[in-house]
Amino acid sequence: MPVVHLFDPPERFVVGTVGEPGQRTFFLQARAGTRLTSVTLEKEQVVALAERVDEMLDEIVRTSAGDSPVPAVTPVEMDDAEPLEQPIEEEFRVGTMTLAWDNAAEQVILEIFSVESTVEEEEQPESEEDPDDEAAEVLEVHLSAASARAFAKRAGSVVAAGRPSCPFCGNPLDPQGHICPRANGFRRLQA
């Protein structure tokens, strides 16, 4: 049975980073009262989650012909530009994530599962492995539609605050430049 960190609803649910662009660690952080849960994930996971949340909410608005509790954009009062709360103690590293809309409760439900350690898997004999093994920990968050919009907006801002992309190959530019595959190996510098 996995350890479930349930926030229904959280007082705050955000994406944030620690470190300098190019060396950042991404965190999802949920808080309710004095309970604070922080999990690490990859930048690509943040991008995918934010895009899917927005796409799902847009689809709900579209199919309901405007009769849903989903705002078309993030309400101004929901904007959150505050830093991550301290102390940041990683509960687990994110593996897979699920996203759903609960029509009855009119909430977005996120289930964020821990990644299983490959070392532990290698130590177990093959005969004992179960393909349906559960993650050791799960972060489950129930968000109102407005809170989900605010989460997706902040996630997009956090990702965009990183290193700029090379206009030619799309790879991140370091301040000292990078070897661009589209420039035949010449170093492109940040403008």
N, C-alpha and C. Protein backbone atom coordinates (compact mmCIF):
# COMPACT_ATOMS: atom_id res chain seq x y z
N MET A 1 0.84 -1.18 0.00
CA MET A 1 0.00 0.00 0.00
C MET A 1 0.89 1.24 0.00
N PRO A 2 0.70 2.14 -0.97
CA PRO A 2 1.56 3.33 -1.04
C PRO A 2 1.20 4.35 0.04
N VAL A 3 2.17 5.21 0.35
CA VAL A 3 1.93 6.35 1.22
C VAL A 3 1.28 7.42 0.34
N VAL A 4 0.10 7.89 0.75
CA VAL A 4 -0.63 8.88 -0.05
C VAL A 4 -0.60 10.22 0.68
N HIS A 5 -0.10 11.23 -0.03
CA HIS A 5 -0.10 12.61 0.47
C HIS A 5 -1.32 13.27 -0.18
N LEU A 6 -2.44 13.34 0.52
CA LEU A 6 -3.69 13.85 -0.04
C LEU A 6 -3.90 15.31 0.34
N PHE A 7 -4.20 16.12 -0.67
CA PHE A 7 -4.54 17.53 -0.47
C PHE A 7 -5.86 17.78 -1.20
N ASP A 8 -6.94 17.86 -0.43
CA ASP A 8 -8.29 17.98 -1.00
C ASP A 8 -9.08 19.08 -0.30
N PRO A 9 -8.97 20.30 -0.70
CA PRO A 9 -8.01 20.92 -1.62
C PRO A 9 -6.81 21.46 -0.85
N PRO A 10 -5.73 21.76 -1.57
CA PRO A 10 -4.60 22.41 -0.91
C PRO A 10 -4.86 23.91 -0.78
N GLU A 11 -4.21 24.52 0.18
CA GLU A 11 -4.26 25.99 0.27
C GLU A 11 -3.38 26.59 -0.82
N ARG A 12 -2.33 25.84 -1.18
CA ARG A 12 -1.41 26.30 -2.22
C ARG A 12 -0.85 25.09 -2.94
N PHE A 13 -0.81 25.16 -4.28
CA PHE A 13 -0.20 24.10 -5.09
C PHE A 13 0.52 24.78 -6.24
N VAL A 14 1.85 24.70 -6.24
CA VAL A 14 2.65 25.44 -7.22
C VAL A 14 3.83 24.62 -7.72
N VAL A 15 4.40 25.11 -8.81
CA VAL A 15 5.67 24.65 -9.34
C VAL A 15 6.69 25.73 -9.02
N GLY A 16 7.88 25.32 -8.66
CA GLY A 16 8.95 26.27 -8.42
C GLY A 16 10.29 25.60 -8.67
N THR A 17 11.34 26.41 -8.62
CA THR A 17 12.68 25.87 -8.87
C THR A 17 13.65 26.34 -7.79
N VAL A 18 14.74 25.60 -7.71
CA VAL A 18 15.86 25.97 -6.86
C VAL A 18 17.08 25.87 -7.75
N GLY A 19 17.91 26.91 -7.74
CA GLY A 19 19.13 26.90 -8.54
C GLY A 19 19.08 27.89 -9.68
N GLU A 20 20.21 28.00 -10.36
CA GLU A 20 20.37 28.91 -11.48
C GLU A 20 19.90 28.25 -12.78
N PRO A 21 19.44 29.06 -13.76
CA PRO A 21 19.05 28.47 -15.05
C PRO A 21 20.16 27.58 -15.61
N GLY A 22 19.76 26.42 -16.05
CA GLY A 22 20.71 25.42 -16.54
C GLY A 22 21.08 24.41 -15.47
N GLN A 23 20.87 24.79 -14.21
CA GLN A 23 21.17 23.92 -13.08
C GLN A 23 19.99 23.84 -12.12
N ARG A 24 18.79 24.17 -12.60
CA ARG A 24 17.62 24.23 -11.74
C ARG A 24 17.06 22.85 -11.42
N THR A 25 16.52 22.73 -10.22
CA THR A 25 15.76 21.56 -9.82
C THR A 25 14.32 22.01 -9.71
N PHE A 26 13.41 21.29 -10.36
CA PHE A 26 11.99 21.64 -10.36
C PHE A 26 11.26 20.90 -9.25
N PHE A 27 10.37 21.61 -8.57
CA PHE A 27 9.58 21.04 -7.49
C PHE A 27 8.10 21.32 -7.69
N LEU A 28 7.27 20.36 -7.33
CA LEU A 28 5.84 20.59 -7.12
C LEU A 28 5.70 20.68 -5.61
N GLN A 29 4.93 21.66 -5.16
CA GLN A 29 4.78 21.83 -3.72
C GLN A 29 3.31 22.06 -3.38
N ALA A 30 2.81 21.27 -2.43
CA ALA A 30 1.42 21.40 -1.96
C ALA A 30 1.45 21.70 -0.47
N ARG A 31 0.55 22.62 -0.05
CA ARG A 31 0.47 22.97 1.37
C ARG A 31 -0.98 23.05 1.79
N ALA A 32 -1.26 22.51 2.97
CA ALA A 32 -2.55 22.65 3.63
C ALA A 32 -2.24 22.81 5.11
N GLY A 33 -2.53 23.98 5.66
CA GLY A 33 -2.19 24.23 7.06
C GLY A 33 -0.68 24.18 7.25
N THR A 34 -0.23 23.37 8.19
CA THR A 34 1.21 23.24 8.43
C THR A 34 1.82 22.08 7.65
N ARG A 35 0.99 21.32 6.95
CA ARG A 35 1.47 20.19 6.15
C ARG A 35 2.01 20.68 4.82
N LEU A 36 3.25 20.34 4.52
CA LEU A 36 3.91 20.78 3.29
C LEU A 36 4.55 19.57 2.63
N THR A 37 4.24 19.34 1.35
CA THR A 37 4.83 18.22 0.61
C THR A 37 5.48 18.77 -0.65
N SER A 38 6.75 18.43 -0.85
CA SER A 38 7.51 18.85 -2.02
C SER A 38 8.03 17.61 -2.73
N VAL A 39 7.86 17.56 -4.05
CA VAL A 39 8.37 16.46 -4.87
C VAL A 39 9.15 17.04 -6.04
N THR A 40 10.19 16.34 -6.47
CA THR A 40 10.99 16.82 -7.59
C THR A 40 10.52 16.16 -8.88
N LEU A 41 10.70 16.90 -9.95
CA LEU A 41 10.35 16.38 -11.26
C LEU A 41 11.20 17.06 -12.32
N GLU A 42 11.11 16.57 -13.53
CA GLU A 42 11.88 17.11 -14.65
C GLU A 42 11.13 18.27 -15.30
N LYS A 43 11.88 19.14 -15.93
CA LYS A 43 11.29 20.29 -16.63
C LYS A 43 10.26 19.83 -17.66
N GLU A 44 10.57 18.77 -18.37
CA GLU A 44 9.66 18.26 -19.40
C GLU A 44 8.34 17.79 -18.78
N GLN A 45 8.41 17.24 -17.57
CA GLN A 45 7.19 16.81 -16.88
C GLN A 45 6.34 18.02 -16.49
N VAL A 46 6.99 19.11 -16.08
CA VAL A 46 6.27 20.35 -15.75
C VAL A 46 5.55 20.87 -16.99
N VAL A 47 6.27 20.91 -18.11
CA VAL A 47 5.69 21.40 -19.36
C VAL A 47 4.50 20.54 -19.76
N ALA A 48 4.67 19.23 -19.74
CA ALA A 48 3.59 18.33 -20.14
C ALA A 48 2.38 18.47 -19.23
N LEU A 49 2.60 18.55 -17.93
CA LEU A 49 1.50 18.66 -16.98
C LEU A 49 0.73 19.97 -17.18
N ALA A 50 1.45 21.08 -17.30
CA ALA A 50 0.79 22.37 -17.49
C ALA A 50 -0.01 22.40 -18.80
N GLU A 51 0.56 21.87 -19.87
CA GLU A 51 -0.15 21.84 -21.16
C GLU A 51 -1.41 20.98 -21.07
N ARG A 52 -1.29 19.81 -20.45
CA ARG A 52 -2.45 18.91 -20.35
C ARG A 52 -3.55 19.50 -19.47
N VAL A 53 -3.18 20.17 -18.38
CA VAL A 53 -4.19 20.81 -17.53
C VAL A 53 -4.95 21.86 -18.33
N ASP A 54 -4.22 22.73 -19.04
CA ASP A 54 -4.88 23.76 -19.85
C ASP A 54 -5.74 23.15 -20.95
N GLU A 55 -5.21 22.13 -21.64
CA GLU A 55 -5.98 21.49 -22.71
C GLU A 55 -7.27 20.87 -22.17
N MET A 56 -7.18 20.20 -21.03
CA MET A 56 -8.36 19.57 -20.45
C MET A 56 -9.40 20.62 -20.06
N LEU A 57 -8.97 21.70 -19.43
CA LEU A 57 -9.90 22.75 -19.03
C LEU A 57 -10.52 23.44 -20.24
N ASP A 58 -9.71 23.67 -21.29
CA ASP A 58 -10.25 24.25 -22.53
C ASP A 58 -11.31 23.35 -23.15
N GLU A 59 -11.06 22.04 -23.12
CA GLU A 59 -12.03 21.08 -23.68
C GLU A 59 -13.33 21.09 -22.87
N ILE A 60 -13.23 21.21 -21.56
CA ILE A 60 -14.44 21.27 -20.72
C ILE A 60 -15.24 22.52 -21.05
N VAL A 61 -14.56 23.64 -21.21
CA VAL A 61 -15.25 24.89 -21.57
C VAL A 61 -15.92 24.73 -22.93
N ARG A 62 -15.19 24.16 -23.89
CA ARG A 62 -15.71 24.00 -25.25
C ARG A 62 -16.94 23.09 -25.29
N THR A 63 -16.87 21.95 -24.62
CA THR A 63 -17.97 20.99 -24.68
C THR A 63 -19.17 21.39 -23.83
N SER A 64 -18.97 22.28 -22.87
CA SER A 64 -20.10 22.70 -22.03
C SER A 64 -20.81 23.93 -22.58
N ALA A 65 -20.31 24.45 -23.69
CA ALA A 65 -20.90 25.65 -24.31
C ALA A 65 -20.98 26.80 -23.31
N GLY A 66 -19.96 26.92 -22.47
CA GLY A 66 -19.88 28.02 -21.52
C GLY A 66 -20.65 27.80 -20.23
N ASP A 67 -21.22 26.60 -20.04
CA ASP A 67 -22.00 26.30 -18.83
C ASP A 67 -21.19 25.55 -17.79
N SER A 68 -19.90 25.76 -17.75
CA SER A 68 -19.08 25.05 -16.78
C SER A 68 -18.47 26.04 -15.79
N PRO A 69 -17.98 25.54 -14.66
CA PRO A 69 -17.35 26.42 -13.67
C PRO A 69 -15.89 26.74 -14.01
N VAL A 70 -15.47 26.38 -15.21
CA VAL A 70 -14.08 26.55 -15.61
C VAL A 70 -13.86 27.93 -16.21
N PRO A 71 -12.98 28.74 -15.61
CA PRO A 71 -12.70 30.04 -16.21
C PRO A 71 -11.88 29.88 -17.48
N ALA A 72 -12.12 30.75 -18.44
CA ALA A 72 -11.39 30.68 -19.71
C ALA A 72 -9.92 31.06 -19.53
N VAL A 73 -9.65 31.94 -18.58
CA VAL A 73 -8.27 32.35 -18.26
C VAL A 73 -8.11 32.34 -16.74
N THR A 74 -6.87 32.49 -16.30
CA THR A 74 -6.60 32.50 -14.86
C THR A 74 -7.16 33.77 -14.23
N PRO A 75 -7.99 33.65 -13.20
CA PRO A 75 -8.46 34.85 -12.50
C PRO A 75 -7.27 35.60 -11.89
N VAL A 76 -7.27 36.92 -12.00
CA VAL A 76 -6.15 37.75 -11.56
C VAL A 76 -5.81 37.51 -10.09
N GLU A 77 -6.82 37.34 -9.25
CA GLU A 77 -6.58 37.15 -7.82
C GLU A 77 -5.93 35.80 -7.50
N MET A 78 -5.88 34.90 -8.47
CA MET A 78 -5.28 33.58 -8.26
C MET A 78 -3.80 33.53 -8.62
N ASP A 79 -3.27 34.61 -9.24
CA ASP A 79 -1.86 34.63 -9.60
C ASP A 79 -0.99 34.46 -8.36
N ASP A 80 0.05 33.63 -8.46
CA ASP A 80 0.94 33.36 -7.34
C ASP A 80 2.37 33.44 -7.86
N ALA A 81 3.08 34.48 -7.46
CA ALA A 81 4.47 34.65 -7.88
C ALA A 81 5.43 34.49 -6.70
N GLU A 82 4.94 34.00 -5.58
CA GLU A 82 5.77 33.84 -4.39
C GLU A 82 6.72 32.66 -4.56
N PRO A 83 7.87 32.70 -3.87
CA PRO A 83 8.81 31.58 -3.95
C PRO A 83 8.26 30.34 -3.25
N LEU A 84 8.93 29.22 -3.47
CA LEU A 84 8.56 27.98 -2.79
C LEU A 84 8.69 28.19 -1.28
N GLU A 85 7.87 27.47 -0.54
CA GLU A 85 7.92 27.59 0.91
C GLU A 85 9.07 26.76 1.47
N GLN A 86 9.62 27.24 2.56
CA GLN A 86 10.76 26.58 3.20
C GLN A 86 10.29 25.79 4.41
N PRO A 87 10.88 24.73 4.79
CA PRO A 87 12.02 24.08 4.14
C PRO A 87 11.55 23.21 2.98
N ILE A 88 12.39 23.13 1.96
CA ILE A 88 12.08 22.29 0.81
C ILE A 88 12.74 20.94 1.05
N GLU A 89 11.94 19.96 1.43
CA GLU A 89 12.44 18.62 1.68
C GLU A 89 11.75 17.66 0.71
N GLU A 90 12.52 17.09 -0.19
CA GLU A 90 11.98 16.21 -1.23
C GLU A 90 11.39 14.95 -0.61
N GLU A 91 10.10 14.72 -0.88
CA GLU A 91 9.44 13.49 -0.44
C GLU A 91 9.78 12.34 -1.38
N PHE A 92 9.76 12.64 -2.70
CA PHE A 92 10.09 11.63 -3.70
C PHE A 92 10.30 12.29 -5.05
N ARG A 93 10.83 11.51 -6.00
CA ARG A 93 11.00 11.96 -7.39
C ARG A 93 9.80 11.45 -8.18
N VAL A 94 9.25 12.32 -9.01
CA VAL A 94 8.04 12.00 -9.77
C VAL A 94 8.36 11.06 -10.91
N GLY A 95 7.52 10.04 -11.03
CA GLY A 95 7.59 9.11 -12.15
C GLY A 95 6.45 9.41 -13.12
N THR A 96 5.31 8.78 -12.90
CA THR A 96 4.15 9.00 -13.77
C THR A 96 3.13 9.90 -13.07
N MET A 97 2.27 10.49 -13.90
CA MET A 97 1.24 11.39 -13.39
C MET A 97 -0.07 11.08 -14.12
N THR A 98 -1.17 11.22 -13.40
CA THR A 98 -2.48 11.10 -14.04
C THR A 98 -3.25 12.39 -13.78
N LEU A 99 -4.16 12.67 -14.68
CA LEU A 99 -4.95 13.90 -14.63
C LEU A 99 -6.39 13.53 -14.96
N ALA A 100 -7.33 14.02 -14.16
CA ALA A 100 -8.74 13.70 -14.41
C ALA A 100 -9.61 14.88 -13.99
N TRP A 101 -10.81 14.91 -14.52
CA TRP A 101 -11.82 15.89 -14.15
C TRP A 101 -12.94 15.16 -13.44
N ASP A 102 -13.24 15.56 -12.21
CA ASP A 102 -14.33 15.00 -11.44
C ASP A 102 -15.54 15.89 -11.69
N ASN A 103 -16.45 15.41 -12.51
CA ASN A 103 -17.62 16.20 -12.91
C ASN A 103 -18.52 16.53 -11.73
N ALA A 104 -18.72 15.58 -10.83
CA ALA A 104 -19.61 15.79 -9.68
C ALA A 104 -19.05 16.86 -8.74
N ALA A 105 -17.75 16.79 -8.45
CA ALA A 105 -17.13 17.75 -7.53
C ALA A 105 -16.64 19.00 -8.25
N GLU A 106 -16.64 18.96 -9.58
CA GLU A 106 -16.13 20.05 -10.42
C GLU A 106 -14.70 20.40 -10.01
N GLN A 107 -13.84 19.36 -9.99
CA GLN A 107 -12.45 19.51 -9.60
C GLN A 107 -11.53 18.78 -10.57
N VAL A 108 -10.32 19.30 -10.66
CA VAL A 108 -9.24 18.61 -11.35
C VAL A 108 -8.55 17.74 -10.31
N ILE A 109 -8.29 16.49 -10.66
CA ILE A 109 -7.60 15.58 -9.74
C ILE A 109 -6.29 15.16 -10.38
N LEU A 110 -5.21 15.45 -9.67
CA LEU A 110 -3.86 15.06 -10.10
C LEU A 110 -3.36 13.95 -9.19
N GLU A 111 -2.87 12.90 -9.78
CA GLU A 111 -2.20 11.84 -9.02
C GLU A 111 -0.77 11.78 -9.53
N ILE A 112 0.16 12.00 -8.63
CA ILE A 112 1.57 12.07 -8.98
C ILE A 112 2.27 10.94 -8.24
N PHE A 113 2.81 10.00 -9.00
CA PHE A 113 3.39 8.78 -8.43
C PHE A 113 4.90 8.87 -8.37
N SER A 114 5.48 8.27 -7.33
CA SER A 114 6.93 8.24 -7.21
C SER A 114 7.51 7.29 -8.24
N VAL A 115 8.73 7.58 -8.64
CA VAL A 115 9.43 6.70 -9.56
C VAL A 115 10.03 5.57 -8.74
N GLU A 116 9.96 4.38 -9.26
CA GLU A 116 10.54 3.23 -8.56
C GLU A 116 12.04 3.22 -8.79
N SER A 117 12.78 2.86 -7.79
CA SER A 117 14.24 2.81 -7.88
C SER A 117 14.66 1.61 -8.72
N THR A 118 15.53 1.84 -9.70
CA THR A 118 15.99 0.74 -10.55
C THR A 118 16.90 -0.19 -9.78
N VAL A 119 17.59 0.33 -8.76
CA VAL A 119 18.46 -0.52 -7.94
C VAL A 119 17.63 -1.56 -7.20
N GLU A 120 16.51 -1.13 -6.62
CA GLU A 120 15.65 -2.06 -5.91
C GLU A 120 15.10 -3.13 -6.85
N GLU A 121 14.74 -2.70 -8.08
CA GLU A 121 14.19 -3.65 -9.04
C GLU A 121 15.23 -4.69 -9.43
N GLU A 122 16.50 -4.26 -9.56
CA GLU A 122 17.56 -5.17 -9.96
C GLU A 122 17.86 -6.20 -8.87
N GLU A 123 17.67 -5.80 -7.61
CA GLU A 123 17.97 -6.69 -6.51
C GLU A 123 16.92 -7.79 -6.33
N GLN A 124 15.70 -7.57 -6.83
CA GLN A 124 14.64 -8.55 -6.66
C GLN A 124 14.76 -9.63 -7.74
N PRO A 125 14.59 -10.88 -7.37
CA PRO A 125 14.57 -11.94 -8.39
C PRO A 125 13.38 -11.74 -9.31
N GLU A 126 13.54 -12.13 -10.56
CA GLU A 126 12.49 -11.92 -11.55
C GLU A 126 11.17 -12.58 -11.17
N SER A 127 11.22 -13.73 -10.54
CA SER A 127 10.00 -14.46 -10.21
C SER A 127 9.13 -13.71 -9.20
N GLU A 128 9.71 -12.81 -8.40
CA GLU A 128 8.95 -12.08 -7.40
C GLU A 128 8.38 -10.77 -7.94
N GLU A 129 8.78 -10.35 -9.14
CA GLU A 129 8.30 -9.08 -9.68
C GLU A 129 6.84 -9.19 -10.07
N ASP A 130 6.10 -8.17 -9.75
CA ASP A 130 4.69 -8.09 -10.11
C ASP A 130 4.53 -6.91 -11.05
N PRO A 131 4.01 -7.11 -12.25
CA PRO A 131 3.88 -6.00 -13.19
C PRO A 131 2.93 -4.91 -12.69
N ASP A 132 2.11 -5.22 -11.70
CA ASP A 132 1.18 -4.23 -11.18
C ASP A 132 1.66 -3.60 -9.88
N ASP A 133 2.98 -3.64 -9.63
CA ASP A 133 3.51 -3.01 -8.41
C ASP A 133 3.09 -1.56 -8.36
N GLU A 134 2.71 -1.11 -7.17
CA GLU A 134 2.31 0.27 -6.98
C GLU A 134 3.53 1.10 -6.62
N ALA A 135 3.42 2.41 -6.87
CA ALA A 135 4.46 3.33 -6.46
C ALA A 135 4.51 3.34 -4.93
N ALA A 136 5.66 3.65 -4.39
CA ALA A 136 5.82 3.69 -2.93
C ALA A 136 5.08 4.89 -2.33
N GLU A 137 5.00 5.99 -3.08
CA GLU A 137 4.34 7.19 -2.60
C GLU A 137 3.54 7.84 -3.71
N VAL A 138 2.46 8.52 -3.31
CA VAL A 138 1.58 9.21 -4.26
C VAL A 138 1.22 10.56 -3.67
N LEU A 139 1.30 11.59 -4.50
CA LEU A 139 0.80 12.91 -4.13
C LEU A 139 -0.52 13.08 -4.89
N GLU A 140 -1.62 13.19 -4.16
CA GLU A 140 -2.94 13.35 -4.79
C GLU A 140 -3.46 14.74 -4.43
N VAL A 141 -3.77 15.53 -5.47
CA VAL A 141 -4.18 16.91 -5.28
C VAL A 141 -5.50 17.14 -6.00
N HIS A 142 -6.47 17.72 -5.30
CA HIS A 142 -7.77 18.07 -5.86
C HIS A 142 -7.82 19.59 -5.96
N LEU A 143 -8.01 20.10 -7.18
CA LEU A 143 -7.98 21.55 -7.42
C LEU A 143 -9.29 22.03 -8.04
N SER A 144 -9.70 23.23 -7.65
CA SER A 144 -10.81 23.86 -8.36
C SER A 144 -10.31 24.21 -9.76
N ALA A 145 -11.21 24.48 -10.66
CA ALA A 145 -10.82 24.82 -12.03
C ALA A 145 -9.97 26.08 -12.06
N ALA A 146 -10.33 27.07 -11.25
CA ALA A 146 -9.56 28.32 -11.20
C ALA A 146 -8.15 28.07 -10.66
N SER A 147 -8.03 27.24 -9.64
CA SER A 147 -6.71 26.91 -9.08
C SER A 147 -5.87 26.14 -10.10
N ALA A 148 -6.50 25.27 -10.86
CA ALA A 148 -5.79 24.52 -11.89
C ALA A 148 -5.28 25.45 -12.99
N ARG A 149 -6.09 26.43 -13.37
CA ARG A 149 -5.64 27.43 -14.37
C ARG A 149 -4.44 28.20 -13.83
N ALA A 150 -4.52 28.61 -12.56
CA ALA A 150 -3.42 29.36 -11.94
C ALA A 150 -2.15 28.51 -11.89
N PHE A 151 -2.31 27.22 -11.55
CA PHE A 151 -1.17 26.31 -11.52
C PHE A 151 -0.50 26.24 -12.89
N ALA A 152 -1.30 26.05 -13.95
CA ALA A 152 -0.75 25.91 -15.30
C ALA A 152 -0.06 27.20 -15.75
N LYS A 153 -0.65 28.34 -15.41
CA LYS A 153 -0.05 29.63 -15.79
C LYS A 153 1.30 29.81 -15.11
N ARG A 154 1.36 29.53 -13.81
CA ARG A 154 2.62 29.67 -13.08
C ARG A 154 3.66 28.69 -13.62
N ALA A 155 3.25 27.47 -13.91
CA ALA A 155 4.18 26.47 -14.44
C ALA A 155 4.81 26.96 -15.74
N GLY A 156 3.98 27.55 -16.60
CA GLY A 156 4.51 28.10 -17.86
C GLY A 156 5.51 29.22 -17.61
N SER A 157 5.24 30.07 -16.64
CA SER A 157 6.14 31.17 -16.30
C SER A 157 7.46 30.66 -15.74
N VAL A 158 7.38 29.65 -14.88
CA VAL A 158 8.59 29.09 -14.27
C VAL A 158 9.48 28.46 -15.34
N VAL A 159 8.90 27.73 -16.26
CA VAL A 159 9.67 27.10 -17.33
C VAL A 159 10.29 28.17 -18.22
N ALA A 160 9.53 29.20 -18.56
CA ALA A 160 10.01 30.26 -19.45
C ALA A 160 11.13 31.08 -18.82
N ALA A 161 11.26 31.05 -17.50
CA ALA A 161 12.29 31.84 -16.82
C ALA A 161 13.67 31.20 -16.92
N GLY A 162 13.78 30.09 -17.59
CA GLY A 162 15.07 29.41 -17.73
C GLY A 162 15.90 30.02 -18.83
N ARG A 163 16.84 29.24 -19.33
CA ARG A 163 17.74 29.71 -20.38
C ARG A 163 16.96 29.93 -21.68
N PRO A 164 17.33 30.96 -22.45
CA PRO A 164 16.67 31.16 -23.74
C PRO A 164 17.05 30.05 -24.72
N SER A 165 16.20 29.84 -25.71
CA SER A 165 16.45 28.81 -26.71
C SER A 165 17.21 29.39 -27.89
N CYS A 166 18.04 28.56 -28.50
CA CYS A 166 18.74 28.94 -29.72
C CYS A 166 17.70 29.10 -30.83
N PRO A 167 17.73 30.21 -31.56
CA PRO A 167 16.74 30.40 -32.62
C PRO A 167 16.91 29.44 -33.80
N PHE A 168 18.05 28.77 -33.86
CA PHE A 168 18.32 27.89 -34.99
C PHE A 168 18.00 26.42 -34.69
N CYS A 169 18.43 25.94 -33.50
CA CYS A 169 18.23 24.50 -33.21
C CYS A 169 17.25 24.26 -32.08
N GLY A 170 16.92 25.30 -31.29
CA GLY A 170 15.97 25.14 -30.21
C GLY A 170 16.57 24.65 -28.90
N ASN A 171 17.85 24.27 -28.91
CA ASN A 171 18.50 23.85 -27.67
C ASN A 171 18.74 25.06 -26.77
N PRO A 172 18.87 24.84 -25.46
CA PRO A 172 19.10 25.96 -24.55
C PRO A 172 20.46 26.62 -24.78
N LEU A 173 20.48 27.94 -24.68
CA LEU A 173 21.72 28.70 -24.81
C LEU A 173 22.30 28.97 -23.44
N ASP A 174 23.55 28.63 -23.25
CA ASP A 174 24.27 29.01 -22.04
C ASP A 174 24.80 30.41 -22.26
N PRO A 175 25.13 31.15 -21.19
CA PRO A 175 25.68 32.50 -21.37
C PRO A 175 26.93 32.51 -22.25
N GLN A 176 27.73 31.44 -22.19
CA GLN A 176 28.93 31.38 -23.03
C GLN A 176 28.63 30.80 -24.41
N GLY A 177 27.36 30.51 -24.73
CA GLY A 177 26.96 29.98 -26.03
C GLY A 177 26.90 28.46 -26.02
N HIS A 178 26.71 27.87 -27.20
CA HIS A 178 26.69 26.42 -27.32
C HIS A 178 27.10 26.01 -28.72
N ILE A 179 27.49 24.78 -28.86
CA ILE A 179 27.83 24.24 -30.18
C ILE A 179 26.52 23.90 -30.86
N CYS A 180 26.16 24.68 -31.86
CA CYS A 180 24.87 24.52 -32.54
C CYS A 180 25.01 23.53 -33.70
N PRO A 181 24.22 22.46 -33.68
CA PRO A 181 24.30 21.49 -34.77
C PRO A 181 23.89 22.08 -36.12
N ARG A 182 23.11 23.15 -36.10
CA ARG A 182 22.66 23.77 -37.35
C ARG A 182 23.67 24.79 -37.87
N ALA A 183 24.77 25.01 -37.12
CA ALA A 183 25.80 25.96 -37.54
C ALA A 183 27.11 25.22 -37.87
N ASN A 184 26.99 23.95 -38.22
CA ASN A 184 28.14 23.14 -38.58
C ASN A 184 29.23 23.15 -37.52
N GLY A 185 28.82 23.11 -36.25
CA GLY A 185 29.78 23.00 -35.17
C GLY A 185 30.34 24.31 -34.66
N PHE A 186 29.90 25.44 -35.21
CA PHE A 186 30.37 26.73 -34.70
C PHE A 186 29.60 27.08 -33.44
N ARG A 187 30.24 27.82 -32.57
CA ARG A 187 29.64 28.23 -31.31
C ARG A 187 28.76 29.45 -31.54
N ARG A 188 27.49 29.34 -31.13
CA ARG A 188 26.57 30.47 -31.19
C ARG A 188 26.54 31.12 -29.81
N LEU A 189 26.59 32.42 -29.77
CA LEU A 189 26.57 33.15 -28.52
C LEU A 189 25.20 33.72 -28.26
N GLN A 190 24.90 33.86 -26.99
CA GLN A 190 23.61 34.46 -26.58
C GLN A 190 23.66 35.94 -26.92
N ALA A 191 22.61 36.44 -27.53
CA ALA A 191 22.58 37.86 -27.95
C ALA A 191 22.35 38.77 -26.77
